[in-house]
């Protein structure tokens, strides 16, 4: 995103007035797999974290874990 990064977007979504803002699942995706990056994403309001390179099985698992009703 040109104006803001994903962590800032997550914070804005969580603080929004939208009724699903606090609960909508947010999954960070980055090529940085450092523990500081994971901590930063989770602190910003992300529910989970997927690192690149993309592994299809990992995406399915994380999606199912976060989108179960």
C-alpha atoms as a PDB file:
ATOM      1  CA  UNK A   1       0.000   0.000   0.000  1.00  0.00           C
ATOM      2  CA  UNK A   2       1.511   3.296  -0.996  1.00  0.00           C
ATOM      3  CA  UNK A   3       0.203   5.435   1.876  1.00  0.00           C
ATOM      4  CA  UNK A   4       0.299   3.013   4.821  1.00  0.00           C
ATOM      5  CA  UNK A   5       1.724  -0.419   5.562  1.00  0.00           C
ATOM      6  CA  UNK A   6      -0.239  -3.509   6.565  1.00  0.00           C
ATOM      7  CA  UNK A   7       0.318  -3.019  10.283  1.00  0.00           C
ATOM      8  CA  UNK A   8      -1.005   0.517  10.164  1.00  0.00           C
ATOM      9  CA  UNK A   9      -3.980  -0.680   8.091  1.00  0.00           C
ATOM     10  CA  UNK A  10      -4.698  -3.368  10.692  1.00  0.00           C
ATOM     11  CA  UNK A  11      -4.686  -0.783  13.472  1.00  0.00           C
ATOM     12  CA  UNK A  12      -7.107   1.421  11.523  1.00  0.00           C
ATOM     13  CA  UNK A  13      -9.420  -1.513  10.828  1.00  0.00           C
ATOM     14  CA  UNK A  14      -9.431  -2.518  14.497  1.00  0.00           C
ATOM     15  CA  UNK A  15     -10.192   1.073  15.593  1.00  0.00           C
ATOM     16  CA  UNK A  16     -12.872   1.660  12.950  1.00  0.00           C
ATOM     17  CA  UNK A  17     -16.556   2.106  13.709  1.00  0.00           C
ATOM     18  CA  UNK A  18     -17.449  -0.776  11.402  1.00  0.00           C
ATOM     19  CA  UNK A  19     -19.276  -3.488  13.381  1.00  0.00           C
ATOM     20  CA  UNK A  20     -16.845  -6.180  12.177  1.00  0.00           C
ATOM     21  CA  UNK A  21     -13.728  -4.040  12.693  1.00  0.00           C
ATOM     22  CA  UNK A  22     -12.733  -5.621  15.994  1.00  0.00           C
ATOM     23  CA  UNK A  23     -13.347  -9.219  14.881  1.00  0.00           C
ATOM     24  CA  UNK A  24     -12.683  -9.540  11.146  1.00  0.00           C
ATOM     25  CA  UNK A  25      -9.757 -11.930  10.618  1.00  0.00           C
ATOM     26  CA  UNK A  26      -6.569 -10.206   9.438  1.00  0.00           C
ATOM     27  CA  UNK A  27      -3.619 -12.271   8.226  1.00  0.00           C
ATOM     28  CA  UNK A  28      -0.233 -10.663   7.639  1.00  0.00           C
ATOM     29  CA  UNK A  29       1.828 -11.824   4.657  1.00  0.00           C
ATOM     30  CA  UNK A  30       5.457 -10.829   4.323  1.00  0.00           C
ATOM     31  CA  UNK A  31       8.838 -12.041   3.164  1.00  0.00           C
ATOM     32  CA  UNK A  32      10.266 -11.316   6.615  1.00  0.00           C
ATOM     33  CA  UNK A  33       9.921 -14.232   9.013  1.00  0.00           C
ATOM     34  CA  UNK A  34      11.771 -12.709  11.947  1.00  0.00           C
ATOM     35  CA  UNK A  35      10.168 -13.006  15.371  1.00  0.00           C
ATOM     36  CA  UNK A  36      10.109  -9.187  15.651  1.00  0.00           C
ATOM     37  CA  UNK A  37       8.043  -9.006  12.451  1.00  0.00           C
ATOM     38  CA  UNK A  38       5.566 -11.552  13.769  1.00  0.00           C
ATOM     39  CA  UNK A  39       5.302  -9.693  17.080  1.00  0.00           C
ATOM     40  CA  UNK A  40       4.788  -6.374  15.273  1.00  0.00           C
ATOM     41  CA  UNK A  41       2.010  -7.819  13.095  1.00  0.00           C
ATOM     42  CA  UNK A  42       0.225  -9.414  16.033  1.00  0.00           C
ATOM     43  CA  UNK A  43       0.574  -6.249  18.134  1.00  0.00           C
ATOM     44  CA  UNK A  44      -0.987  -4.264  15.283  1.00  0.00           C
ATOM     45  CA  UNK A  45      -4.095  -6.451  15.451  1.00  0.00           C
ATOM     46  CA  UNK A  46      -3.361  -9.193  12.947  1.00  0.00           C
ATOM     47  CA  UNK A  47      -4.741 -12.615  13.845  1.00  0.00           C
ATOM     48  CA  UNK A  48      -2.030 -14.612  12.169  1.00  0.00           C
ATOM     49  CA  UNK A  49       1.077 -14.439  10.010  1.00  0.00           C
ATOM     50  CA  UNK A  50       2.130 -16.157   6.770  1.00  0.00           C
ATOM     51  CA  UNK A  51       5.645 -15.793   5.415  1.00  0.00           C
ATOM     52  CA  UNK A  52       6.798 -15.963   1.814  1.00  0.00           C
ATOM     53  CA  UNK A  53       7.478 -18.023  -0.204  1.00  0.00           C
ATOM     54  CA  UNK A  54       3.832 -18.979  -0.251  1.00  0.00           C
ATOM     55  CA  UNK A  55       3.009 -22.584   0.562  1.00  0.00           C
ATOM     56  CA  UNK A  56      -0.538 -23.424  -0.491  1.00  0.00           C
ATOM     57  CA  UNK A  57      -1.065 -25.839   2.414  1.00  0.00           C
ATOM     58  CA  UNK A  58      -0.044 -23.158   4.941  1.00  0.00           C
ATOM     59  CA  UNK A  59      -2.513 -20.666   3.460  1.00  0.00           C
ATOM     60  CA  UNK A  60      -5.333 -23.197   3.702  1.00  0.00           C
ATOM     61  CA  UNK A  61      -4.488 -24.070   7.313  1.00  0.00           C
ATOM     62  CA  UNK A  62      -4.177 -20.456   8.483  1.00  0.00           C
ATOM     63  CA  UNK A  63      -7.346 -19.443   6.629  1.00  0.00           C
ATOM     64  CA  UNK A  64      -9.374 -22.251   8.155  1.00  0.00           C
ATOM     65  CA  UNK A  65      -8.028 -21.469  11.624  1.00  0.00           C
ATOM     66  CA  UNK A  66      -9.047 -17.817  11.338  1.00  0.00           C
ATOM     67  CA  UNK A  67     -12.340 -17.989   9.416  1.00  0.00           C
ATOM     68  CA  UNK A  68     -14.197 -20.687  11.300  1.00  0.00           C
ATOM     69  CA  UNK A  69     -17.620 -19.583  12.411  1.00  0.00           C
END
